[in-house]
C-alpha atoms as a PDB file:
ATOM      1  CA  MET A   1     115.368  40.147-145.994  1.00  0.00           C
ATOM      2  CA  LYS A   2     114.482  37.193-147.899  1.00  0.00           C
ATOM      3  CA  LYS A   3     115.405  35.443-151.253  1.00  0.00           C
ATOM      4  CA  VAL A   4     112.668  35.125-153.350  1.00  0.00           C
ATOM      5  CA  LEU A   5     112.476  32.594-156.308  1.00  0.00           C
ATOM      6  CA  ARG A   6     109.489  33.240-158.888  1.00  0.00           C
ATOM      7  CA  LEU A   7     108.766  30.467-161.666  1.00  0.00           C
ATOM      8  CA  ILE A   8     106.337  31.626-164.365  1.00  0.00           C
ATOM      9  CA  SER A   9     105.046  28.859-166.387  1.00  0.00           C
ATOM     10  CA  SER A  10     102.181  30.399-168.636  1.00  0.00           C
ATOM     11  CA  PRO A  11     102.937  30.529-172.524  1.00  0.00           C
ATOM     12  CA  LEU A  12     101.240  33.861-172.234  1.00  0.00           C
ATOM     13  CA  ALA A  13     102.779  37.173-171.903  1.00  0.00           C
ATOM     14  CA  GLU A  14     100.980  40.142-170.242  1.00  0.00           C
ATOM     15  CA  LYS A  15      97.752  38.554-170.764  1.00  0.00           C
ATOM     16  CA  SER A  16      98.286  35.725-168.371  1.00  0.00           C
ATOM     17  CA  LEU A  17      96.093  36.015-165.112  1.00  0.00           C
ATOM     18  CA  SER A  18      98.329  33.742-163.397  1.00  0.00           C
ATOM     19  CA  ARG A  19     101.305  36.031-164.226  1.00  0.00           C
ATOM     20  CA  LYS A  20      99.200  38.965-163.082  1.00  0.00           C
ATOM     21  CA  LEU A  21      98.364  37.158-159.740  1.00  0.00           C
ATOM     22  CA  GLY A  22     102.094  36.058-159.376  1.00  0.00           C
ATOM     23  CA  ASN A  23     103.055  39.577-159.654  1.00  0.00           C
ATOM     24  CA  ALA A  24     100.693  40.724-156.826  1.00  0.00           C
ATOM     25  CA  VAL A  25     102.072  37.971-154.657  1.00  0.00           C
ATOM     26  CA  VAL A  26     105.500  39.097-155.274  1.00  0.00           C
ATOM     27  CA  GLU A  27     104.605  42.834-154.583  1.00  0.00           C
ATOM     28  CA  ARG A  28     103.153  41.746-151.171  1.00  0.00           C
ATOM     29  CA  ILE A  29     106.263  39.708-150.427  1.00  0.00           C
ATOM     30  CA  MET A  30     108.454  42.396-151.107  1.00  0.00           C
ATOM     31  CA  GLU A  31     106.189  44.923-148.949  1.00  0.00           C
ATOM     32  CA  LYS A  32     106.441  42.486-145.883  1.00  0.00           C
ATOM     33  CA  TYR A  33     110.231  41.849-146.525  1.00  0.00           C
ATOM     34  CA  PRO A  34     111.687  45.024-147.855  1.00  0.00           C
ATOM     35  CA  ASN A  35     115.152  44.816-149.444  1.00  0.00           C
ATOM     36  CA  SER A  36     114.336  41.053-150.401  1.00  0.00           C
ATOM     37  CA  ILE A  37     116.441  39.615-153.658  1.00  0.00           C
ATOM     38  CA  LEU A  38     114.130  38.439-156.220  1.00  0.00           C
ATOM     39  CA  LYS A  39     115.140  36.007-159.126  1.00  0.00           C
ATOM     40  CA  GLU A  40     112.778  34.963-161.948  1.00  0.00           C
ATOM     41  CA  ARG A  41     112.848  32.113-164.170  1.00  0.00           C
ATOM     42  CA  ASP A  42     110.214  32.030-166.980  1.00  0.00           C
ATOM     43  CA  LEU A  43     110.045  28.458-168.079  1.00  0.00           C
ATOM     44  CA  ALA A  44     108.175  29.341-171.057  1.00  0.00           C
ATOM     45  CA  LYS A  45     110.986  31.355-172.274  1.00  0.00           C
ATOM     46  CA  ASN A  46     113.660  28.838-170.930  1.00  0.00           C
ATOM     47  CA  VAL A  47     112.165  25.488-171.655  1.00  0.00           C
ATOM     48  CA  PHE A  48     113.815  22.739-169.864  1.00  0.00           C
ATOM     49  CA  PRO A  49     114.241  19.652-172.208  1.00  0.00           C
ATOM     50  CA  HIS A  50     112.226  16.567-172.038  1.00  0.00           C
ATOM     51  CA  LEU A  51     113.628  13.536-170.035  1.00  0.00           C
ATOM     52  CA  ASP A  52     115.345  11.215-172.261  1.00  0.00           C
ATOM     53  CA  GLU A  53     117.603   8.216-171.921  1.00  0.00           C
ATOM     54  CA  ASN A  54     120.510   9.909-171.400  1.00  0.00           C
ATOM     55  CA  LEU A  55     119.391  12.280-169.013  1.00  0.00           C
ATOM     56  CA  ILE A  56     117.810   9.824-166.746  1.00  0.00           C
ATOM     57  CA  ASN A  57     121.035   7.664-166.786  1.00  0.00           C
ATOM     58  CA  ALA A  58     122.793  10.723-165.806  1.00  0.00           C
ATOM     59  CA  PHE A  59     120.434  11.383-162.825  1.00  0.00           C
ATOM     60  CA  PHE A  60     121.265   7.856-161.680  1.00  0.00           C
ATOM     61  CA  THR A  61     125.061   7.896-161.894  1.00  0.00           C
ATOM     62  CA  PRO A  62     127.138   9.053-158.956  1.00  0.00           C
ATOM     63  CA  THR A  63     128.561  12.460-159.291  1.00  0.00           C
ATOM     64  CA  ASP A  64     132.290  11.447-159.303  1.00  0.00           C
ATOM     65  CA  LYS A  65     131.603   8.831-162.175  1.00  0.00           C
ATOM     66  CA  LEU A  66     129.758  11.410-164.477  1.00  0.00           C
ATOM     67  CA  SER A  67     131.135  11.966-168.001  1.00  0.00           C
ATOM     68  CA  LYS A  68     131.540  15.177-169.641  1.00  0.00           C
ATOM     69  CA  GLU A  69     128.418  14.643-171.739  1.00  0.00           C
ATOM     70  CA  GLN A  70     126.366  13.585-168.553  1.00  0.00           C
ATOM     71  CA  LEU A  71     127.490  16.972-166.845  1.00  0.00           C
ATOM     72  CA  GLU A  72     126.313  18.879-169.575  1.00  0.00           C
ATOM     73  CA  VAL A  73     122.865  17.381-169.737  1.00  0.00           C
ATOM     74  CA  ILE A  74     122.244  17.568-166.287  1.00  0.00           C
ATOM     75  CA  LYS A  75     123.292  21.373-165.959  1.00  0.00           C
ATOM     76  CA  TYR A  76     119.734  22.484-166.037  1.00  0.00           C
ATOM     77  CA  SER A  77     118.462  20.301-163.411  1.00  0.00           C
ATOM     78  CA  ASP A  78     121.515  21.266-161.181  1.00  0.00           C
ATOM     79  CA  GLU A  79     120.758  24.783-161.537  1.00  0.00           C
ATOM     80  CA  ALA A  80     117.295  24.741-160.995  1.00  0.00           C
ATOM     81  CA  ILE A  81     117.928  22.791-157.887  1.00  0.00           C
ATOM     82  CA  ALA A  82     120.453  25.100-156.749  1.00  0.00           C
ATOM     83  CA  GLU A  83     117.894  28.054-157.095  1.00  0.00           C
ATOM     84  CA  LEU A  84     115.464  26.125-154.867  1.00  0.00           C
ATOM     85  CA  GLN A  85     118.176  25.283-152.316  1.00  0.00           C
ATOM     86  CA  GLU A  86     119.077  28.964-152.095  1.00  0.00           C
ATOM     87  CA  ALA A  87     115.623  30.369-151.844  1.00  0.00           C
ATOM     88  CA  ASP A  88     113.558  31.222-148.694  1.00  0.00           C
ATOM     89  CA  ILE A  89     110.067  31.894-150.605  1.00  0.00           C
ATOM     90  CA  ILE A  90     109.077  30.348-153.750  1.00  0.00           C
ATOM     91  CA  VAL A  91     106.173  31.709-156.092  1.00  0.00           C
ATOM     92  CA  ILE A  92     104.950  29.395-158.801  1.00  0.00           C
ATOM     93  CA  ASP A  93     102.613  30.688-161.477  1.00  0.00           C
ATOM     94  CA  ALA A  94     100.655  27.545-162.294  1.00  0.00           C
ATOM     95  CA  PRO A  95      97.593  28.124-164.757  1.00  0.00           C
ATOM     96  CA  MET A  96      95.303  25.250-165.305  1.00  0.00           C
ATOM     97  CA  TYR A  97      95.550  23.560-168.657  1.00  0.00           C
ATOM     98  CA  ASN A  98      93.147  20.847-169.315  1.00  0.00           C
ATOM     99  CA  PHE A  99      92.633  20.350-165.479  1.00  0.00           C
ATOM    100  CA  THR A 100      96.573  20.107-164.871  1.00  0.00           C
ATOM    101  CA  ILE A 101      99.653  22.246-164.861  1.00  0.00           C
ATOM    102  CA  THR A 102     101.408  23.154-168.440  1.00  0.00           C
ATOM    103  CA  SER A 103     103.698  20.887-169.830  1.00  0.00           C
ATOM    104  CA  THR A 104     106.513  23.358-169.270  1.00  0.00           C
ATOM    105  CA  LEU A 105     106.187  23.031-165.588  1.00  0.00           C
ATOM    106  CA  LYS A 106     105.738  19.388-165.493  1.00  0.00           C
ATOM    107  CA  THR A 107     109.104  19.017-167.312  1.00  0.00           C
ATOM    108  CA  TYR A 108     110.582  21.461-164.551  1.00  0.00           C
ATOM    109  CA  LEU A 109     109.604  19.375-161.961  1.00  0.00           C
ATOM    110  CA  ASP A 110     111.001  16.390-163.740  1.00  0.00           C
ATOM    111  CA  HIS A 111     114.260  18.169-163.436  1.00  0.00           C
ATOM    112  CA  ILE A 112     114.238  18.862-159.626  1.00  0.00           C
ATOM    113  CA  VAL A 113     112.748  15.826-158.176  1.00  0.00           C
ATOM    114  CA  ARG A 114     116.012  13.727-157.873  1.00  0.00           C
ATOM    115  CA  ARG A 115     116.648  10.842-155.452  1.00  0.00           C
ATOM    116  CA  GLY A 116     119.901  11.771-153.342  1.00  0.00           C
ATOM    117  CA  VAL A 117     119.510  15.543-154.030  1.00  0.00           C
ATOM    118  CA  THR A 118     116.052  16.688-153.416  1.00  0.00           C
ATOM    119  CA  PHE A 119     114.669  13.713-151.481  1.00  0.00           C
ATOM    120  CA  GLU A 120     116.018  10.559-150.072  1.00  0.00           C
ATOM    121  CA  GLY A 121     114.585   7.237-149.115  1.00  0.00           C
ATOM    122  CA  VAL A 122     115.357   6.720-145.482  1.00  0.00           C
ATOM    123  CA  ILE A 123     114.922   3.016-143.618  1.00  0.00           C
ATOM    124  CA  VAL A 124     113.030   3.302-140.545  1.00  0.00           C
ATOM    125  CA  GLY A 125     112.410  -0.408-139.071  1.00  0.00           C
ATOM    126  CA  ASN A 126     110.971  -2.412-141.777  1.00  0.00           C
ATOM    127  CA  GLU A 127     109.856   0.475-143.955  1.00  0.00           C
ATOM    128  CA  THR A 128     111.492   3.128-146.255  1.00  0.00           C
ATOM    129  CA  LYS A 129     110.353   6.332-145.811  1.00  0.00           C
ATOM    130  CA  ILE A 130     110.859   9.574-147.877  1.00  0.00           C
ATOM    131  CA  GLU A 131     112.719  12.671-146.460  1.00  0.00           C
ATOM    132  CA  GLY A 132     112.650  15.816-148.571  1.00  0.00           C
ATOM    133  CA  LYS A 133     115.872  17.674-148.451  1.00  0.00           C
ATOM    134  CA  LEU A 134     114.347  21.186-149.536  1.00  0.00           C
ATOM    135  CA  LYS A 135     112.771  22.215-146.019  1.00  0.00           C
ATOM    136  CA  ASN A 136     112.098  25.244-144.395  1.00  0.00           C
ATOM    137  CA  LYS A 137     110.908  26.995-147.372  1.00  0.00           C
ATOM    138  CA  LYS A 138     107.459  28.807-147.890  1.00  0.00           C
ATOM    139  CA  VAL A 139     105.635  28.232-151.102  1.00  0.00           C
ATOM    140  CA  TYR A 140     102.923  30.278-152.742  1.00  0.00           C
ATOM    141  CA  LEU A 141     101.069  29.055-155.801  1.00  0.00           C
ATOM    142  CA  SER A 142      99.180  31.436-158.229  1.00  0.00           C
ATOM    143  CA  ILE A 143      96.659  29.849-160.251  1.00  0.00           C
ATOM    144  CA  SER A 144      94.361  30.760-162.879  1.00  0.00           C
ATOM    145  CA  SER A 145      91.393  28.645-164.263  1.00  0.00           C
ATOM    146  CA  SER A 146      88.448  29.329-166.452  1.00  0.00           C
ATOM    147  CA  GLY A 147      86.153  27.453-164.356  1.00  0.00           C
ATOM    148  CA  ILE A 148      85.624  27.232-160.238  1.00  0.00           C
ATOM    149  CA  TYR A 149      87.722  24.425-159.033  1.00  0.00           C
ATOM    150  CA  SER A 150      88.359  25.351-155.515  1.00  0.00           C
ATOM    151  CA  GLU A 151      84.906  23.867-154.612  1.00  0.00           C
ATOM    152  CA  GLY A 152      81.764  22.537-156.015  1.00  0.00           C
ATOM    153  CA  GLN A 153      81.069  19.930-158.706  1.00  0.00           C
ATOM    154  CA  LEU A 154      84.607  20.666-160.556  1.00  0.00           C
ATOM    155  CA  GLN A 155      86.663  20.246-157.509  1.00  0.00           C
ATOM    156  CA  SER A 156      87.500  16.868-158.162  1.00  0.00           C
ATOM    157  CA  PHE A 157      88.932  17.781-161.516  1.00  0.00           C
ATOM    158  CA  ASP A 158      91.641  20.245-160.013  1.00  0.00           C
ATOM    159  CA  PHE A 159      94.815  18.370-160.732  1.00  0.00           C
ATOM    160  CA  VAL A 160      97.017  21.568-160.270  1.00  0.00           C
ATOM    161  CA  VAL A 161      97.054  21.915-156.568  1.00  0.00           C
ATOM    162  CA  PRO A 162      96.837  18.400-155.471  1.00  0.00           C
ATOM    163  CA  LEU A 163      99.888  17.664-157.980  1.00  0.00           C
ATOM    164  CA  MET A 164     101.789  20.765-156.781  1.00  0.00           C
ATOM    165  CA  LYS A 165     101.215  19.877-153.307  1.00  0.00           C
ATOM    166  CA  ALA A 166     102.335  16.181-153.705  1.00  0.00           C
ATOM    167  CA  VAL A 167     105.442  16.843-155.697  1.00  0.00           C
ATOM    168  CA  LEU A 168     106.776  19.651-153.596  1.00  0.00           C
ATOM    169  CA  SER A 169     106.089  18.004-150.149  1.00  0.00           C
ATOM    170  CA  TRP A 170     107.998  15.076-151.459  1.00  0.00           C
ATOM    171  CA  MET A 171     111.027  17.104-151.572  1.00  0.00           C
ATOM    172  CA  GLY A 172     110.308  18.819-148.097  1.00  0.00           C
ATOM    173  CA  MET A 173     108.387  21.656-149.102  1.00  0.00           C
ATOM    174  CA  THR A 174     105.011  21.379-147.009  1.00  0.00           C
ATOM    175  CA  ASP A 175     104.218  25.016-146.291  1.00  0.00           C
ATOM    176  CA  ILE A 176     102.272  25.650-149.440  1.00  0.00           C
ATOM    177  CA  THR A 177      99.373  28.275-149.836  1.00  0.00           C
ATOM    178  CA  ALA A 178      97.353  28.566-153.052  1.00  0.00           C
ATOM    179  CA  PHE A 179      95.826  31.759-154.398  1.00  0.00           C
ATOM    180  CA  ARG A 180      93.573  31.540-157.258  1.00  0.00           C
ATOM    181  CA  ALA A 181      92.020  33.709-160.050  1.00  0.00           C
ATOM    182  CA  GLU A 182      89.238  31.482-161.021  1.00  0.00           C
ATOM    183  CA  GLY A 183      85.920  31.344-162.793  1.00  0.00           C
ATOM    184  CA  ILE A 184      87.081  33.478-165.560  1.00  0.00           C
ATOM    185  CA  ARG A 185      84.447  32.481-167.954  1.00  0.00           C
ATOM    186  CA  PHE A 186      81.691  33.326-165.622  1.00  0.00           C
ATOM    187  CA  VAL A 187      82.949  36.600-163.876  1.00  0.00           C
ATOM    188  CA  GLY A 188      85.331  37.910-166.556  1.00  0.00           C
ATOM    189  CA  GLU A 189      89.009  38.212-166.134  1.00  0.00           C
ATOM    190  CA  GLU A 190      88.942  41.499-164.318  1.00  0.00           C
ATOM    191  CA  THR A 191      86.810  40.276-161.549  1.00  0.00           C
ATOM    192  CA  ALA A 192      88.561  37.105-161.190  1.00  0.00           C
ATOM    193  CA  ILE A 193      91.895  38.676-160.929  1.00  0.00           C
ATOM    194  CA  LYS A 194      90.739  41.174-158.595  1.00  0.00           C
ATOM    195  CA  MET A 195      89.328  38.509-156.357  1.00  0.00           C
ATOM    196  CA  GLY A 196      92.550  36.601-156.681  1.00  0.00           C
ATOM    197  CA  ILE A 197      94.548  39.772-155.576  1.00  0.00           C
ATOM    198  CA  GLU A 198      92.095  40.498-152.791  1.00  0.00           C
ATOM    199  CA  SER A 199      92.720  37.009-151.366  1.00  0.00           C
ATOM    200  CA  ILE A 200      96.519  37.471-151.150  1.00  0.00           C
ATOM    201  CA  ILE A 201      97.891  37.016-147.383  1.00  0.00           C
ATOM    202  CA  ILE A 202     101.482  36.669-146.970  1.00  0.00           C
ATOM    203  CA  GLU A 203     102.459  34.775-143.624  1.00  0.00           C
END
């Protein structure tokens, strides 16, 4: 049995191909690990607040020094991090918008990347190295895009997979697999999602 966390970031509802691909990933996970517990967070419906001065100050205030107001503003961050800490498997729906992730997913990332909580700077000799605190987790990315960005001339414009891998690995999540429903405007939605689902392999 596994604890699975599903993060949805598309502003579209049932029409979203990243959501459909993510649904298929979750189904395969449940088939491989029966009786697993699934928790979903829809970032488009429950939008995290953008960073502001009060929130940033709260992030860098020691826990025992936080005011009531600061405890209130960081509750979204604390809840999101607690979900990640608890999860064994994380599925993130990440449609490509203007070559990168949605603003809702970016804001979520801003809330979970926290020094001393999800990563720490460790001094090794004369260097400071980053040690992620969210280790031993499997992450699956469900990506949709109108063009083909996994290879070819548009590959250098893919800022979804490189960004997600960089941020997640910074926090210790290095076991990351990306599935894609891509080339939608060339092959059509039905073919793109079919190819994406056929590529799913759960490790």
